[in-house]
Amino acid sequence: MRLLATVLLAGIILASAAGVRAQEAADLFKSKCQVCHGADGKGDTAAGKKLGVKDFHAPEVTKMSDAELIEITKTGKNKMPSYDKKLTDDQIKQLVKYIRTLK
Protein backbone atom coordinates (compact mmCIF):
# COMPACT_ATOMS: atom_id res chain seq x y z
CA MET A 1 0.00 0.00 0.00
CA ARG A 2 2.86 2.37 0.83
CA LEU A 3 4.48 1.69 -2.52
CA LEU A 4 1.26 2.55 -4.33
CA ALA A 5 0.89 5.77 -2.33
CA THR A 6 4.51 6.69 -3.08
CA VAL A 7 4.07 6.03 -6.79
CA LEU A 8 0.87 8.08 -6.89
CA LEU A 9 2.50 10.95 -5.03
CA ALA A 10 5.49 10.89 -7.38
CA GLY A 11 3.11 10.97 -10.34
CA ILE A 12 1.27 13.97 -8.93
CA ILE A 13 4.53 15.80 -8.31
CA LEU A 14 5.80 15.07 -11.84
CA ALA A 15 2.50 16.15 -13.40
CA SER A 16 2.57 19.33 -11.37
CA ALA A 17 6.15 20.06 -12.43
CA ALA A 18 5.25 19.45 -16.08
CA GLY A 19 2.35 21.88 -15.74
CA VAL A 20 4.65 24.52 -14.27
CA ARG A 21 7.15 24.01 -17.11
CA ALA A 22 4.38 24.30 -19.69
CA GLN A 23 3.23 27.56 -18.12
CA GLU A 24 6.81 28.86 -18.05
CA ALA A 25 7.15 28.04 -21.76
CA ALA A 26 3.86 29.81 -22.52
CA ASP A 27 5.03 32.86 -20.58
CA LEU A 28 8.37 32.84 -22.42
CA PHE A 29 6.58 32.61 -25.74
CA LYS A 30 4.39 35.57 -24.83
CA SER A 31 7.35 37.69 -23.78
CA LYS A 32 9.87 36.73 -26.48
CA CYS A 33 8.02 35.41 -29.53
CA GLN A 34 4.40 36.51 -29.62
CA VAL A 35 5.00 40.09 -30.79
CA CYS A 36 6.23 38.75 -34.13
CA HIS A 37 4.82 35.22 -34.38
CA GLY A 38 1.42 35.99 -32.82
CA ALA A 39 -0.42 34.10 -30.10
CA ASP A 40 -1.31 31.34 -32.56
CA GLY A 41 2.15 31.14 -34.18
CA LYS A 42 0.90 32.20 -37.62
CA GLY A 43 2.98 35.38 -37.80
CA ASP A 44 -0.10 37.44 -38.62
CA THR A 45 1.02 40.49 -36.63
CA ALA A 46 2.24 43.90 -37.76
CA ALA A 47 5.81 43.04 -36.75
CA GLY A 48 5.52 39.54 -38.19
CA LYS A 49 4.34 40.83 -41.56
CA LYS A 50 7.02 43.50 -41.65
CA LEU A 51 9.77 40.98 -40.87
CA GLY A 52 8.34 38.14 -42.95
CA VAL A 53 8.33 35.65 -40.06
CA LYS A 54 7.50 32.03 -40.65
CA ASP A 55 4.12 30.57 -39.78
CA PHE A 56 4.78 27.74 -37.32
CA HIS A 57 1.97 25.79 -39.03
CA ALA A 58 3.54 25.97 -42.50
CA PRO A 59 4.74 22.62 -43.87
CA GLU A 60 8.31 23.93 -44.18
CA VAL A 61 8.35 24.60 -40.43
CA THR A 62 6.37 21.59 -39.20
CA LYS A 63 8.70 19.21 -41.04
CA MET A 64 11.75 20.70 -39.26
CA SER A 65 13.19 18.65 -36.43
CA ASP A 66 13.26 19.98 -32.90
CA ALA A 67 17.05 20.20 -33.23
CA GLU A 68 16.69 22.47 -36.28
CA LEU A 69 14.22 24.74 -34.51
CA ILE A 70 16.42 24.86 -31.43
CA GLU A 71 19.41 25.84 -33.57
CA ILE A 72 17.44 28.61 -35.33
CA THR A 73 16.26 29.94 -31.99
CA LYS A 74 19.79 29.86 -30.59
CA THR A 75 21.61 31.43 -33.53
CA GLY A 76 18.86 33.41 -35.24
CA LYS A 77 17.95 33.35 -38.91
CA ASN A 78 17.35 36.12 -41.40
CA LYS A 79 15.81 38.93 -39.32
CA MET A 80 15.16 36.76 -36.26
CA PRO A 81 17.67 37.56 -33.52
CA SER A 82 19.76 35.02 -31.66
CA TYR A 83 18.46 33.95 -28.25
CA ASP A 84 21.59 32.01 -27.27
CA LYS A 85 22.68 34.60 -24.70
CA LYS A 86 19.14 35.52 -23.63
CA LEU A 87 17.65 32.09 -22.88
CA THR A 88 19.02 28.87 -21.44
CA ASP A 89 19.17 25.70 -23.51
CA ASP A 90 16.33 24.29 -21.41
CA GLN A 91 14.17 27.37 -22.03
CA ILE A 92 14.76 27.11 -25.77
CA LYS A 93 13.84 23.41 -25.74
CA GLN A 94 10.66 24.23 -23.81
CA LEU A 95 9.79 26.96 -26.33
CA VAL A 96 10.17 24.52 -29.23
CA LYS A 97 8.00 22.01 -27.40
CA TYR A 98 5.43 24.78 -26.79
CA ILE A 99 5.26 25.95 -30.42
CA ARG A 100 4.57 22.37 -31.46
CA THR A 101 1.34 22.58 -29.40
CA LEU A 102 0.02 25.74 -31.07
CA LYS A 103 -3.11 25.17 -33.09
PDB file of N, CA and C in Angstrom:
ATOM      1  N   MET A   1       0.826  -1.186   0.000  1.00  0.00           N
ATOM      2  CA  MET A   1       0.000   0.000   0.000  1.00  0.00           C
ATOM      3  C   MET A   1       0.872   1.252   0.000  1.00  0.00           C
ATOM      4  N   ARG A   2       1.961   1.217   0.780  1.00  0.00           N
ATOM      5  CA  ARG A   2       2.856   2.372   0.826  1.00  0.00           C
ATOM      6  C   ARG A   2       3.496   2.624  -0.532  1.00  0.00           C
ATOM      7  N   LEU A   3       3.859   1.555  -1.202  1.00  0.00           N
ATOM      8  CA  LEU A   3       4.478   1.687  -2.516  1.00  0.00           C
ATOM      9  C   LEU A   3       3.513   2.350  -3.481  1.00  0.00           C
ATOM     10  N   LEU A   4       2.266   1.944  -3.464  1.00  0.00           N
ATOM     11  CA  LEU A   4       1.259   2.545  -4.331  1.00  0.00           C
ATOM     12  C   LEU A   4       1.088   4.025  -4.011  1.00  0.00           C
ATOM     13  N   ALA A   5       1.022   4.368  -2.740  1.00  0.00           N
ATOM     14  CA  ALA A   5       0.891   5.772  -2.334  1.00  0.00           C
ATOM     15  C   ALA A   5       2.106   6.577  -2.776  1.00  0.00           C
ATOM     16  N   THR A   6       3.281   6.002  -2.663  1.00  0.00           N
ATOM     17  CA  THR A   6       4.506   6.686  -3.085  1.00  0.00           C
ATOM     18  C   THR A   6       4.511   6.915  -4.590  1.00  0.00           C
ATOM     19  N   VAL A   7       4.133   5.909  -5.337  1.00  0.00           N
ATOM     20  CA  VAL A   7       4.075   6.026  -6.793  1.00  0.00           C
ATOM     21  C   VAL A   7       3.046   7.082  -7.207  1.00  0.00           C
ATOM     22  N   LEU A   8       1.898   7.079  -6.581  1.00  0.00           N
ATOM     23  CA  LEU A   8       0.869   8.079  -6.888  1.00  0.00           C
ATOM     24  C   LEU A   8       1.347   9.486  -6.555  1.00  0.00           C
ATOM     25  N   LEU A   9       1.976   9.642  -5.419  1.00  0.00           N
ATOM     26  CA  LEU A   9       2.497  10.948  -5.028  1.00  0.00           C
ATOM     27  C   LEU A   9       3.567  11.419  -6.007  1.00  0.00           C
ATOM     28  N   ALA A  10       4.442  10.533  -6.409  1.00  0.00           N
ATOM     29  CA  ALA A  10       5.488  10.887  -7.379  1.00  0.00           C
ATOM     30  C   ALA A  10       4.853  11.310  -8.700  1.00  0.00           C
ATOM     31  N   GLY A  11       3.815  10.606  -9.113  1.00  0.00           N
ATOM     32  CA  GLY A  11       3.113  10.967 -10.342  1.00  0.00           C
ATOM     33  C   GLY A  11       2.477  12.342 -10.261  1.00  0.00           C
ATOM     34  N   ILE A  12       1.895  12.653  -9.137  1.00  0.00           N
ATOM     35  CA  ILE A  12       1.272  13.968  -8.934  1.00  0.00           C
ATOM     36  C   ILE A  12       2.331  15.062  -8.967  1.00  0.00           C
ATOM     37  N   ILE A  13       3.454  14.816  -8.332  1.00  0.00           N
ATOM     38  CA  ILE A  13       4.533  15.804  -8.314  1.00  0.00           C
ATOM     39  C   ILE A  13       5.078  16.025  -9.724  1.00  0.00           C
ATOM     40  N   LEU A  14       5.300  14.938 -10.462  1.00  0.00           N
ATOM     41  CA  LEU A  14       5.800  15.071 -11.837  1.00  0.00           C
ATOM     42  C   LEU A  14       4.799  15.784 -12.732  1.00  0.00           C
ATOM     43  N   ALA A  15       3.533  15.477 -12.595  1.00  0.00           N
ATOM     44  CA  ALA A  15       2.500  16.147 -13.399  1.00  0.00           C
ATOM     45  C   ALA A  15       2.446  17.626 -13.062  1.00  0.00           C
ATOM     46  N   SER A  16       2.566  17.935 -11.801  1.00  0.00           N
ATOM     47  CA  SER A  16       2.565  19.332 -11.371  1.00  0.00           C
ATOM     48  C   SER A  16       3.772  20.069 -11.936  1.00  0.00           C
ATOM     49  N   ALA A  17       4.934  19.444 -11.888  1.00  0.00           N
ATOM     50  CA  ALA A  17       6.152  20.058 -12.432  1.00  0.00           C
ATOM     51  C   ALA A  17       6.021  20.269 -13.933  1.00  0.00           C
ATOM     52  N   ALA A  18       5.437  19.312 -14.638  1.00  0.00           N
ATOM     53  CA  ALA A  18       5.248  19.448 -16.077  1.00  0.00           C
ATOM     54  C   ALA A  18       4.302  20.609 -16.380  1.00  0.00           C
ATOM     55  N   GLY A  19       3.277  20.765 -15.563  1.00  0.00           N
ATOM     56  CA  GLY A  19       2.348  21.878 -15.739  1.00  0.00           C
ATOM     57  C   GLY A  19       3.020  23.222 -15.522  1.00  0.00           C
ATOM     58  N   VAL A  20       3.896  23.288 -14.542  1.00  0.00           N
ATOM     59  CA  VAL A  20       4.650  24.517 -14.270  1.00  0.00           C
ATOM     60  C   VAL A  20       5.562  24.826 -15.441  1.00  0.00           C
ATOM     61  N   ARG A  21       6.249  23.817 -15.971  1.00  0.00           N
ATOM     62  CA  ARG A  21       7.150  24.011 -17.107  1.00  0.00           C
ATOM     63  C   ARG A  21       6.366  24.461 -18.341  1.00  0.00           C
ATOM     64  N   ALA A  22       5.207  23.899 -18.557  1.00  0.00           N
ATOM     65  CA  ALA A  22       4.381  24.301 -19.692  1.00  0.00           C
ATOM     66  C   ALA A  22       3.961  25.761 -19.554  1.00  0.00           C
ATOM     67  N   GLN A  23       3.618  26.171 -18.351  1.00  0.00           N
ATOM     68  CA  GLN A  23       3.229  27.563 -18.121  1.00  0.00           C
ATOM     69  C   GLN A  23       4.427  28.491 -18.312  1.00  0.00           C
ATOM     70  N   GLU A  24       5.594  28.063 -17.857  1.00  0.00           N
ATOM     71  CA  GLU A  24       6.809  28.860 -18.049  1.00  0.00           C
ATOM     72  C   GLU A  24       7.101  29.034 -19.544  1.00  0.00           C
ATOM     73  N   ALA A  25       6.929  27.968 -20.314  1.00  0.00           N
ATOM     74  CA  ALA A  25       7.152  28.043 -21.760  1.00  0.00           C
ATOM     75  C   ALA A  25       6.140  28.981 -22.414  1.00  0.00           C
ATOM     76  N   ALA A  26       4.892  28.905 -21.982  1.00  0.00           N
ATOM     77  CA  ALA A  26       3.862  29.805 -22.517  1.00  0.00           C
ATOM     78  C   ALA A  26       4.199  31.259 -22.188  1.00  0.00           C
ATOM     79  N   ASP A  27       4.653  31.503 -20.980  1.00  0.00           N
ATOM     80  CA  ASP A  27       5.033  32.858 -20.580  1.00  0.00           C
ATOM     81  C   ASP A  27       6.234  33.358 -21.385  1.00  0.00           C
ATOM     82  N   LEU A  28       7.212  32.478 -21.606  1.00  0.00           N
ATOM     83  CA  LEU A  28       8.370  32.844 -22.421  1.00  0.00           C
ATOM     84  C   LEU A  28       7.946  33.179 -23.848  1.00  0.00           C
ATOM     85  N   PHE A  29       7.068  32.363 -24.389  1.00  0.00           N
ATOM     86  CA  PHE A  29       6.581  32.608 -25.743  1.00  0.00           C
ATOM     87  C   PHE A  29       5.915  33.978 -25.820  1.00  0.00           C
ATOM     88  N   LYS A  30       5.080  34.270 -24.845  1.00  0.00           N
ATOM     89  CA  LYS A  30       4.388  35.566 -24.830  1.00  0.00           C
ATOM     90  C   LYS A  30       5.373  36.723 -24.755  1.00  0.00           C
ATOM     91  N   SER A  31       6.425  36.570 -23.967  1.00  0.00           N
ATOM     92  CA  SER A  31       7.355  37.687 -23.779  1.00  0.00           C
ATOM     93  C   SER A  31       8.403  37.800 -24.885  1.00  0.00           C
ATOM     94  N   LYS A  32       8.767  36.702 -25.510  1.00  0.00           N
ATOM     95  CA  LYS A  32       9.867  36.735 -26.485  1.00  0.00           C
ATOM     96  C   LYS A  32       9.429  36.545 -27.939  1.00  0.00           C
ATOM     97  N   CYS A  33       8.355  35.840 -28.171  1.00  0.00           N
ATOM     98  CA  CYS A  33       8.016  35.409 -29.533  1.00  0.00           C
ATOM     99  C   CYS A  33       6.707  35.987 -30.073  1.00  0.00           C
ATOM    100  N   GLN A  34       5.757  36.185 -29.195  1.00  0.00           N
ATOM    101  CA  GLN A  34       4.396  36.511 -29.615  1.00  0.00           C
ATOM    102  C   GLN A  34       4.286  37.813 -30.401  1.00  0.00           C
ATOM    103  N   VAL A  35       5.113  38.804 -30.103  1.00  0.00           N
ATOM    104  CA  VAL A  35       5.002  40.087 -30.787  1.00  0.00           C
ATOM    105  C   VAL A  35       5.176  39.910 -32.304  1.00  0.00           C
ATOM    106  N   CYS A  36       6.025  38.989 -32.702  1.00  0.00           N
ATOM    107  CA  CYS A  36       6.230  38.746 -34.133  1.00  0.00           C
ATOM    108  C   CYS A  36       5.415  37.554 -34.639  1.00  0.00           C
ATOM    109  N   HIS A  37       5.453  36.452 -33.909  1.00  0.00           N
ATOM    110  CA  HIS A  37       4.819  35.222 -34.380  1.00  0.00           C
ATOM    111  C   HIS A  37       3.331  35.140 -34.058  1.00  0.00           C
ATOM    112  N   GLY A  38       2.833  36.012 -33.182  1.00  0.00           N
ATOM    113  CA  GLY A  38       1.419  35.992 -32.822  1.00  0.00           C
ATOM    114  C   GLY A  38       1.105  34.908 -31.819  1.00  0.00           C
ATOM    115  N   ALA A  39      -0.019  35.059 -31.133  1.00  0.00           N
ATOM    116  CA  ALA A  39      -0.420  34.099 -30.098  1.00  0.00           C
ATOM    117  C   ALA A  39      -0.633  32.703 -30.666  1.00  0.00           C
ATOM    118  N   ASP A  40      -1.041  32.632 -31.938  1.00  0.00           N
ATOM    119  CA  ASP A  40      -1.309  31.339 -32.564  1.00  0.00           C
ATOM    120  C   ASP A  40      -0.133  30.818 -33.376  1.00  0.00           C
ATOM    121  N   GLY A  41       0.966  31.580 -33.450  1.00  0.00           N
ATOM    122  CA  GLY A  41       2.151  31.143 -34.179  1.00  0.00           C
ATOM    123  C   GLY A  41       2.083  31.336 -35.683  1.00  0.00           C
ATOM    124  N   LYS A  42       1.068  32.038 -36.170  1.00  0.00           N
ATOM    125  CA  LYS A  42       0.902  32.199 -37.618  1.00  0.00           C
ATOM    126  C   LYS A  42       1.669  33.380 -38.191  1.00  0.00           C
ATOM    127  N   GLY A  43       2.208  34.237 -37.315  1.00  0.00           N
ATOM    128  CA  GLY A  43       2.981  35.380 -37.797  1.00  0.00           C
ATOM    129  C   GLY A  43       2.131  36.487 -38.364  1.00  0.00           C
ATOM    130  N   ASP A  44       0.842  36.451 -38.082  1.00  0.00           N
ATOM    131  CA  ASP A  44      -0.097  37.436 -38.620  1.00  0.00           C
ATOM    132  C   ASP A  44      -0.197  38.647 -37.689  1.00  0.00           C
ATOM    133  N   THR A  45       0.958  39.282 -37.450  1.00  0.00           N
ATOM    134  CA  THR A  45       1.023  40.485 -36.629  1.00  0.00           C
ATOM    135  C   THR A  45       1.692  41.573 -37.462  1.00  0.00           C
ATOM    136  N   ALA A  46       1.593  42.810 -37.023  1.00  0.00           N
ATOM    137  CA  ALA A  46       2.237  43.900 -37.759  1.00  0.00           C
ATOM    138  C   ALA A  46       3.746  43.652 -37.865  1.00  0.00           C
ATOM    139  N   ALA A  47       4.370  43.305 -36.745  1.00  0.00           N
ATOM    140  CA  ALA A  47       5.809  43.036 -36.752  1.00  0.00           C
ATOM    141  C   ALA A  47       6.129  41.796 -37.581  1.00  0.00           C
ATOM    142  N   GLY A  48       5.299  40.778 -37.444  1.00  0.00           N
ATOM    143  CA  GLY A  48       5.516  39.540 -38.194  1.00  0.00           C
ATOM    144  C   GLY A  48       5.445  39.755 -39.693  1.00  0.00           C
ATOM    145  N   LYS A  49       4.465  40.533 -40.126  1.00  0.00           N
ATOM    146  CA  LYS A  49       4.335  40.826 -41.558  1.00  0.00           C
ATOM    147  C   LYS A  49       5.514  41.652 -42.053  1.00  0.00           C
ATOM    148  N   LYS A  50       5.912  42.628 -41.263  1.00  0.00           N
ATOM    149  CA  LYS A  50       7.020  43.498 -41.648  1.00  0.00           C
ATOM    150  C   LYS A  50       8.327  42.698 -41.785  1.00  0.00           C
ATOM    151  N   LEU A  51       8.543  41.765 -40.872  1.00  0.00           N
ATOM    152  CA  LEU A  51       9.775  40.980 -40.867  1.00  0.00           C
ATOM    153  C   LEU A  51       9.702  39.712 -41.712  1.00  0.00           C
ATOM    154  N   GLY A  52       8.512  39.348 -42.150  1.00  0.00           N
ATOM    155  CA  GLY A  52       8.344  38.135 -42.948  1.00  0.00           C
ATOM    156  C   GLY A  52       8.591  36.865 -42.160  1.00  0.00           C
ATOM    157  N   VAL A  53       8.093  36.830 -40.910  1.00  0.00           N
ATOM    158  CA  VAL A  53       8.326  35.653 -40.062  1.00  0.00           C
ATOM    159  C   VAL A  53       7.590  34.439 -40.604  1.00  0.00           C
ATOM    160  N   LYS A  54       8.099  33.293 -40.224  1.00  0.00           N
ATOM    161  CA  LYS A  54       7.497  32.029 -40.653  1.00  0.00           C
ATOM    162  C   LYS A  54       6.278  31.681 -39.797  1.00  0.00           C
ATOM    163  N   ASP A  55       5.286  31.123 -40.455  1.00  0.00           N
ATOM    164  CA  ASP A  55       4.117  30.567 -39.784  1.00  0.00           C
ATOM    165  C   ASP A  55       4.530  29.204 -39.234  1.00  0.00           C
ATOM    166  N   PHE A  56       4.394  29.012 -37.928  1.00  0.00           N
ATOM    167  CA  PHE A  56       4.777  27.740 -37.323  1.00  0.00           C
ATOM    168  C   PHE A  56       3.952  26.566 -37.843  1.00  0.00           C
ATOM    169  N   HIS A  57       2.832  26.844 -38.512  1.00  0.00           N
ATOM    170  CA  HIS A  57       1.970  25.787 -39.035  1.00  0.00           C
ATOM    171  C   HIS A  57       2.315  25.423 -40.476  1.00  0.00           C
ATOM    172  N   ALA A  58       3.172  26.214 -41.110  1.00  0.00           N
ATOM    173  CA  ALA A  58       3.539  25.973 -42.502  1.00  0.00           C
ATOM    174  C   ALA A  58       4.304  24.648 -42.617  1.00  0.00           C
ATOM    175  N   PRO A  59       4.057  23.913 -43.694  1.00  0.00           N
ATOM    176  CA  PRO A  59       4.736  22.619 -43.871  1.00  0.00           C
ATOM    177  C   PRO A  59       6.262  22.715 -43.752  1.00  0.00           C
ATOM    178  N   GLU A  60       6.850  23.794 -44.253  1.00  0.00           N
ATOM    179  CA  GLU A  60       8.312  23.926 -44.183  1.00  0.00           C
ATOM    180  C   GLU A  60       8.811  24.027 -42.741  1.00  0.00           C
ATOM    181  N   VAL A  61       7.962  24.502 -41.847  1.00  0.00           N
ATOM    182  CA  VAL A  61       8.346  24.598 -40.435  1.00  0.00           C
ATOM    183  C   VAL A  61       7.980  23.312 -39.702  1.00  0.00           C
ATOM    184  N   THR A  62       6.794  22.788 -39.938  1.00  0.00           N
ATOM    185  CA  THR A  62       6.371  21.589 -39.203  1.00  0.00           C
ATOM    186  C   THR A  62       7.239  20.381 -39.515  1.00  0.00           C
ATOM    187  N   LYS A  63       7.842  20.352 -40.706  1.00  0.00           N
ATOM    188  CA  LYS A  63       8.701  19.212 -41.039  1.00  0.00           C
ATOM    189  C   LYS A  63      10.107  19.346 -40.437  1.00  0.00           C
ATOM    190  N   MET A  64      10.444  20.526 -39.896  1.00  0.00           N
ATOM    191  CA  MET A  64      11.747  20.700 -39.259  1.00  0.00           C
ATOM    192  C   MET A  64      11.815  19.894 -37.978  1.00  0.00           C
ATOM    193  N   SER A  65      12.994  19.391 -37.691  1.00  0.00           N
ATOM    194  CA  SER A  65      13.190  18.654 -36.435  1.00  0.00           C
ATOM    195  C   SER A  65      13.276  19.650 -35.284  1.00  0.00           C
ATOM    196  N   ASP A  66      13.089  19.133 -34.078  1.00  0.00           N
ATOM    197  CA  ASP A  66      13.261  19.979 -32.898  1.00  0.00           C
ATOM    198  C   ASP A  66      14.669  20.551 -32.865  1.00  0.00           C
ATOM    199  N   ALA A  67      15.657  19.739 -33.236  1.00  0.00           N
ATOM    200  CA  ALA A  67      17.053  20.199 -33.233  1.00  0.00           C
ATOM    201  C   ALA A  67      17.241  21.386 -34.181  1.00  0.00           C
ATOM    202  N   GLU A  68      16.590  21.341 -35.342  1.00  0.00           N
ATOM    203  CA  GLU A  68      16.690  22.465 -36.283  1.00  0.00           C
ATOM    204  C   GLU A  68      16.062  23.727 -35.710  1.00  0.00           C
ATOM    205  N   LEU A  69      14.890  23.579 -35.096  1.00  0.00           N
ATOM    206  CA  LEU A  69      14.216  24.737 -34.509  1.00  0.00           C
ATOM    207  C   LEU A  69      14.998  25.290 -33.323  1.00  0.00           C
ATOM    208  N   ILE A  70      15.591  24.416 -32.551  1.00  0.00           N
ATOM    209  CA  ILE A  70      16.421  24.859 -31.427  1.00  0.00           C
ATOM    210  C   ILE A  70      17.609  25.656 -31.951  1.00  0.00           C
ATOM    211  N   GLU A  71      18.249  25.160 -33.001  1.00  0.00           N
ATOM    212  CA  GLU A  71      19.412  25.844 -33.568  1.00  0.00           C
ATOM    213  C   GLU A  71      19.029  27.220 -34.122  1.00  0.00           C
ATOM    214  N   ILE A  72      17.898  27.315 -34.801  1.00  0.00           N
ATOM    215  CA  ILE A  72      17.442  28.608 -35.329  1.00  0.00           C
ATOM    216  C   ILE A  72      17.174  29.573 -34.182  1.00  0.00           C
ATOM    217  N   THR A  73      16.555  29.085 -33.136  1.00  0.00           N
ATOM    218  CA  THR A  73      16.262  29.940 -31.986  1.00  0.00           C
ATOM    219  C   THR A  73      17.557  30.403 -31.318  1.00  0.00           C
ATOM    220  N   LYS A  74      18.514  29.511 -31.215  1.00  0.00           N
ATOM    221  CA  LYS A  74      19.790  29.863 -30.586  1.00  0.00           C
ATOM    222  C   LYS A  74      20.580  30.877 -31.409  1.00  0.00           C
ATOM    223  N   THR A  75      20.698  30.625 -32.701  1.00  0.00           N
ATOM    224  CA  THR A  75      21.614  31.425 -33.532  1.00  0.00           C
ATOM    225  C   THR A  75      20.924  32.530 -34.321  1.00  0.00           C
ATOM    226  N   GLY A  76      19.591  32.448 -34.437  1.00  0.00           N
ATOM    227  CA  GLY A  76      18.861  33.414 -35.244  1.00  0.00           C
ATOM    228  C   GLY A  76      18.870  32.991 -36.707  1.00  0.00           C
ATOM    229  N   LYS A  77      18.014  33.645 -37.475  1.00  0.00           N
ATOM    230  CA  LYS A  77      17.953  33.348 -38.908  1.00  0.00           C
ATOM    231  C   LYS A  77      17.267  34.519 -39.592  1.00  0.00           C
ATOM    232  N   ASN A  78      17.849  34.955 -40.686  1.00  0.00           N
ATOM    233  CA  ASN A  78      17.346  36.123 -41.399  1.00  0.00           C
ATOM    234  C   ASN A  78      17.209  37.293 -40.419  1.00  0.00           C
ATOM    235  N   LYS A  79      15.996  37.781 -40.216  1.00  0.00           N
ATOM    236  CA  LYS A  79      15.810  38.928 -39.317  1.00  0.00           C
ATOM    237  C   LYS A  79      15.509  38.523 -37.879  1.00  0.00           C
ATOM    238  N   MET A  80      15.406  37.224 -37.630  1.00  0.00           N
ATOM    239  CA  MET A  80      15.165  36.755 -36.264  1.00  0.00           C
ATOM    240  C   MET A  80      16.471  36.821 -35.469  1.00  0.00           C
ATOM    241  N   PRO A  81      16.443  37.458 -34.308  1.00  0.00           N
ATOM    242  CA  PRO A  81      17.674  37.556 -33.515  1.00  0.00           C
ATOM    243  C   PRO A  81      18.041  36.236 -32.836  1.00  0.00           C
ATOM    244  N   SER A  82      19.267  36.157 -32.420  1.00  0.00           N
ATOM    245  CA  SER A  82      19.762  35.021 -31.657  1.00  0.00           C
ATOM    246  C   SER A  82      19.265  35.120 -30.215  1.00  0.00           C
ATOM    247  N   TYR A  83      18.876  33.985 -29.658  1.00  0.00           N
ATOM    248  CA  TYR A  83      18.465  33.948 -28.248  1.00  0.00           C
ATOM    249  C   TYR A  83      19.439  33.140 -27.401  1.00  0.00           C
ATOM    250  N   ASP A  84      20.599  32.820 -27.967  1.00  0.00           N
ATOM    251  CA  ASP A  84      21.593  32.012 -27.275  1.00  0.00           C
ATOM    252  C   ASP A  84      22.044  32.631 -25.962  1.00  0.00           C
ATOM    253  N   LYS A  85      22.209  33.922 -25.916  1.00  0.00           N
ATOM    254  CA  LYS A  85      22.680  34.599 -24.698  1.00  0.00           C
ATOM    255  C   LYS A  85      21.526  35.103 -23.830  1.00  0.00           C
ATOM    256  N   LYS A  86      20.298  34.986 -24.344  1.00  0.00           N
ATOM    257  CA  LYS A  86      19.137  35.519 -23.633  1.00  0.00           C
ATOM    258  C   LYS A  86      18.326  34.435 -22.925  1.00  0.00           C
ATOM    259  N   LEU A  87      18.409  33.207 -23.440  1.00  0.00           N
ATOM    260  CA  LEU A  87      17.649  32.091 -22.876  1.00  0.00           C
ATOM    261  C   LEU A  87      18.580  30.904 -22.651  1.00  0.00           C
ATOM    262  N   THR A  88      18.240  30.085 -21.679  1.00  0.00           N
ATOM    263  CA  THR A  88      19.022  28.870 -21.436  1.00  0.00           C
ATOM    264  C   THR A  88      18.645  27.816 -22.481  1.00  0.00           C
ATOM    265  N   ASP A  89      19.480  26.800 -22.596  1.00  0.00           N
ATOM    266  CA  ASP A  89      19.171  25.695 -23.506  1.00  0.00           C
ATOM    267  C   ASP A  89      17.831  25.055 -23.147  1.00  0.00           C
ATOM    268  N   ASP A  90      17.593  24.891 -21.854  1.00  0.00           N
ATOM    269  CA  ASP A  90      16.331  24.288 -21.409  1.00  0.00           C
ATOM    270  C   ASP A  90      15.133  25.168 -21.795  1.00  0.00           C
ATOM    271  N   GLN A  91      15.257  26.472 -21.644  1.00  0.00           N
ATOM    272  CA  GLN A  91      14.169  27.374 -22.028  1.00  0.00           C
ATOM    273  C   GLN A  91      13.891  27.290 -23.526  1.00  0.00           C
ATOM    274  N   ILE A  92      14.940  27.214 -24.325  1.00  0.00           N
ATOM    275  CA  ILE A  92      14.763  27.107 -25.773  1.00  0.00           C
ATOM    276  C   ILE A  92      14.081  25.793 -26.133  1.00  0.00           C
ATOM    277  N   LYS A  93      14.487  24.710 -25.499  1.00  0.00           N
ATOM    278  CA  LYS A  93      13.841  23.412 -25.740  1.00  0.00           C
ATOM    279  C   LYS A  93      12.368  23.465 -25.365  1.00  0.00           C
ATOM    280  N   GLN A  94      12.055  24.100 -24.240  1.00  0.00           N
ATOM    281  CA  GLN A  94      10.660  24.225 -23.815  1.00  0.00           C
ATOM    282  C   GLN A  94       9.862  25.079 -24.796  1.00  0.00           C
ATOM    283  N   LEU A  95      10.474  26.130 -25.329  1.00  0.00           N
ATOM    284  CA  LEU A  95       9.788  26.958 -26.331  1.00  0.00           C
ATOM    285  C   LEU A  95       9.462  26.148 -27.572  1.00  0.00           C
ATOM    286  N   VAL A  96      10.403  25.348 -28.055  1.00  0.00           N
ATOM    287  CA  VAL A  96      10.165  24.523 -29.232  1.00  0.00           C
ATOM    288  C   VAL A  96       9.034  23.535 -28.944  1.00  0.00           C
ATOM    289  N   LYS A  97       9.074  22.932 -27.787  1.00  0.00           N
ATOM    290  CA  LYS A  97       7.996  22.009 -27.395  1.00  0.00           C
ATOM    291  C   LYS A  97       6.649  22.761 -27.382  1.00  0.00           C
ATOM    292  N   TYR A  98       6.658  23.977 -26.867  1.00  0.00           N
ATOM    293  CA  TYR A  98       5.429  24.782 -26.792  1.00  0.00           C
ATOM    294  C   TYR A  98       4.910  25.120 -28.185  1.00  0.00           C
ATOM    295  N   ILE A  99       5.775  25.564 -29.091  1.00  0.00           N
ATOM    296  CA  ILE A  99       5.264  25.949 -30.415  1.00  0.00           C
ATOM    297  C   ILE A  99       4.695  24.768 -31.169  1.00  0.00           C
ATOM    298  N   ARG A 100       5.148  23.574 -30.836  1.00  0.00           N
ATOM    299  CA  ARG A 100       4.569  22.368 -31.462  1.00  0.00           C
ATOM    300  C   ARG A 100       3.113  22.157 -31.020  1.00  0.00           C
ATOM    301  N   THR A 101       2.720  22.761 -29.896  1.00  0.00           N
ATOM    302  CA  THR A 101       1.339  22.582 -29.402  1.00  0.00           C
ATOM    303  C   THR A 101       0.379  23.626 -29.946  1.00  0.00           C
ATOM    304  N   LEU A 102       0.904  24.674 -30.591  1.00  0.00           N
ATOM    305  CA  LEU A 102       0.020  25.742 -31.070  1.00  0.00           C
ATOM    306  C   LEU A 102      -0.898  25.229 -32.174  1.00  0.00           C
ATOM    307  N   LYS A 103      -2.126  25.591 -32.075  1.00  0.00           N
ATOM    308  CA  LYS A 103      -3.114  25.167 -33.093  1.00  0.00           C
ATOM    309  C   LYS A 103      -3.629  26.359 -33.847  1.00  0.00           C
TER     310      LYS A 103
END
